Amino acid sequence: MIWKPDVTVAAVVEREGRFLMVEEHTEDGLRLNQPAGHLEQGESLIEACARETLEETAHGFAPQQLVGIYQWPRPKGDVTYLRFAFAGELGAFDSVRVLDRGIVRTVWLSLQELEDSADRHRSPLVLQCVRDFVAGHRYPMELIRHYG
């Protein structure tokens, strides 16, 4: 078997000091995460982030800056995640859209609330992405090149 990382994307969305999160069912129970998911065949990282945000929050999302790239080998199992986190503009809400399977709800949390709930995060990347965003980490989208 050939090893390869699981490529994921995440949206870091902030409004008035609060961050858009999803509460989702996982194999470890109910967890908090950014709107996030896997890159699918044929799509760019930017397209994947917009799609996942729409599917998990019913909001449009336009990625505008790269917050960071994160590599995390999950302690249980042989999976290593390679996450690309993007900041951007949250778009319109589609009130009739059904959220992706496993998503219970969206919630807006402050940095302090996220720090206080770290034991409920899907991975340590959740808090790290927010901390990096708060620290001003933003990189131009020109770092991402998609050849399709």
Protein backbone atom coordinates (compact mmCIF):
# COMPACT_ATOMS: atom_id res chain seq x y z
CA MET A 1 0.00 0.00 0.00
CA ILE A 2 1.30 3.47 -0.89
CA TRP A 3 1.11 6.11 1.85
CA LYS A 4 -0.37 9.50 1.06
CA PRO A 5 -1.80 12.29 3.22
CA ASP A 6 -5.49 13.17 3.30
CA VAL A 7 -5.77 16.68 1.84
CA THR A 8 -8.35 18.84 3.57
CA VAL A 9 -9.50 22.45 3.47
CA ALA A 10 -10.97 24.67 6.18
CA ALA A 11 -12.65 28.07 6.29
CA VAL A 12 -11.66 30.45 9.07
CA VAL A 13 -14.51 32.96 9.28
CA GLU A 14 -14.56 35.74 11.90
CA ARG A 15 -17.32 38.23 12.69
CA GLU A 16 -17.09 40.66 15.58
CA GLY A 17 -14.56 38.51 17.43
CA ARG A 18 -16.45 35.25 16.98
CA PHE A 19 -15.60 32.35 14.67
CA LEU A 20 -17.94 30.25 12.59
CA MET A 21 -17.78 26.63 13.68
CA VAL A 22 -19.76 23.49 13.00
CA GLU A 23 -20.79 20.92 15.54
CA GLU A 24 -20.59 17.50 13.95
CA HIS A 25 -20.95 13.81 14.72
CA THR A 26 -17.62 11.93 14.51
CA GLU A 27 -16.38 8.51 15.52
CA ASP A 28 -15.24 10.23 18.75
CA GLY A 29 -18.65 11.78 19.45
CA LEU A 30 -19.93 15.32 18.95
CA ARG A 31 -17.03 17.62 18.00
CA LEU A 32 -16.35 21.21 16.95
CA ASN A 33 -14.58 22.05 13.71
CA GLN A 34 -14.26 24.82 11.18
CA PRO A 35 -16.34 24.27 8.06
CA ALA A 36 -13.92 21.78 6.54
CA GLY A 37 -13.57 18.68 4.46
CA HIS A 38 -11.65 16.73 1.87
CA LEU A 39 -10.39 17.87 -1.49
CA GLU A 40 -12.29 15.98 -4.18
CA GLN A 41 -10.89 14.81 -7.49
CA GLY A 42 -10.89 17.50 -10.15
CA GLU A 43 -11.43 20.51 -7.89
CA SER A 44 -9.02 23.17 -6.73
CA LEU A 45 -8.30 23.83 -3.05
CA ILE A 46 -10.25 27.08 -3.32
CA GLU A 47 -13.25 25.36 -4.90
CA ALA A 48 -13.13 22.66 -2.23
CA CYS A 49 -13.17 25.22 0.58
CA ALA A 50 -16.12 27.10 -0.91
CA ARG A 51 -18.02 23.83 -1.48
CA GLU A 52 -17.38 22.44 2.01
CA THR A 53 -18.42 25.70 3.66
CA LEU A 54 -21.66 25.77 1.68
CA GLU A 55 -22.40 22.10 2.42
CA GLU A 56 -21.71 22.42 6.15
CA THR A 57 -23.10 25.89 6.93
CA ALA A 58 -25.51 26.77 4.07
CA HIS A 59 -23.45 29.94 3.55
CA GLY A 60 -21.55 30.85 0.44
CA PHE A 61 -17.85 31.44 1.02
CA ALA A 62 -15.20 33.16 -1.08
CA PRO A 63 -11.65 32.25 0.06
CA GLN A 64 -9.41 35.31 -0.18
CA GLN A 65 -6.28 34.57 1.85
CA LEU A 66 -4.36 31.52 2.98
CA VAL A 67 -4.11 31.36 6.78
CA GLY A 68 -1.76 28.39 6.84
CA ILE A 69 -0.90 24.87 5.80
CA TYR A 70 -0.97 22.27 8.57
CA GLN A 71 0.27 18.69 8.73
CA TRP A 72 -1.16 16.47 11.48
CA PRO A 73 -0.64 12.74 11.87
CA ARG A 74 -3.69 11.52 13.78
CA PRO A 75 -2.53 9.68 16.91
CA LYS A 76 -4.90 6.75 16.42
CA GLY A 77 -4.57 5.30 12.98
CA ASP A 78 -2.32 5.74 10.02
CA VAL A 79 -3.92 8.92 8.67
CA THR A 80 -1.98 12.13 8.20
CA TYR A 81 -4.00 15.23 7.36
CA LEU A 82 -2.63 18.04 5.24
CA ARG A 83 -4.95 21.01 5.86
CA PHE A 84 -5.12 24.23 3.88
CA ALA A 85 -6.95 26.89 5.91
CA PHE A 86 -8.42 29.93 4.20
CA ALA A 87 -9.85 33.25 5.39
CA GLY A 88 -12.43 34.99 3.25
CA GLU A 89 -15.86 36.48 2.87
CA LEU A 90 -18.94 34.69 4.10
CA GLY A 91 -21.74 34.96 1.57
CA ALA A 92 -25.48 34.67 1.61
CA PHE A 93 -27.29 32.12 3.76
CA ASP A 94 -29.52 29.59 2.00
CA SER A 95 -32.34 29.00 4.49
CA VAL A 96 -33.72 25.98 2.63
CA ARG A 97 -30.43 24.15 2.20
CA VAL A 98 -30.01 20.99 4.27
CA LEU A 99 -26.66 20.76 6.06
CA ASP A 100 -24.23 17.97 5.17
CA ARG A 101 -24.72 14.58 6.79
CA GLY A 102 -23.29 14.55 10.31
CA ILE A 103 -23.46 18.32 10.82
CA VAL A 104 -25.71 19.15 13.78
CA ARG A 105 -25.53 22.95 13.69
CA THR A 106 -23.38 26.00 13.17
CA VAL A 107 -22.22 28.09 16.10
CA TRP A 108 -20.23 31.31 16.53
CA LEU A 109 -17.56 31.10 19.26
CA SER A 110 -14.99 33.53 20.62
CA LEU A 111 -11.32 32.61 20.88
CA GLN A 112 -11.78 32.18 24.64
CA GLU A 113 -14.75 29.85 24.11
CA LEU A 114 -12.69 27.85 21.62
CA GLU A 115 -9.80 27.60 24.06
CA ASP A 116 -12.20 26.51 26.81
CA SER A 117 -13.69 23.79 24.58
CA ALA A 118 -10.41 22.42 23.16
CA ASP A 119 -11.25 18.93 24.43
CA ARG A 120 -14.25 18.93 22.08
CA HIS A 121 -12.34 19.92 18.92
CA ARG A 122 -12.14 17.55 15.98
CA SER A 123 -8.36 18.00 15.97
CA PRO A 124 -5.71 20.35 17.39
CA LEU A 125 -5.75 22.11 14.02
CA VAL A 126 -9.06 23.81 14.88
CA LEU A 127 -7.60 26.02 17.59
CA GLN A 128 -4.26 26.48 15.81
CA CYS A 129 -5.97 27.85 12.69
CA VAL A 130 -7.92 30.38 14.78
CA ARG A 131 -4.84 31.39 16.76
CA ASP A 132 -2.92 31.91 13.53
CA PHE A 133 -5.77 34.00 12.13
CA VAL A 134 -5.89 36.15 15.29
CA ALA A 135 -2.10 36.57 15.08
CA GLY A 136 -2.56 38.05 11.60
CA HIS A 137 -1.28 35.16 9.53
CA ARG A 138 -2.54 35.83 6.01
CA TYR A 139 -0.82 34.84 2.81
CA PRO A 140 -1.70 35.82 -0.75
CA MET A 141 -3.76 33.45 -2.81
CA GLU A 142 -1.01 33.55 -5.46
CA LEU A 143 0.80 30.95 -3.33
CA ILE A 144 -1.82 28.46 -4.52
CA ARG A 145 -1.48 27.37 -8.13
CA HIS A 146 -4.03 25.06 -9.72
CA TYR A 147 -3.38 23.53 -13.11
CA GLY A 148 -6.47 21.83 -14.42
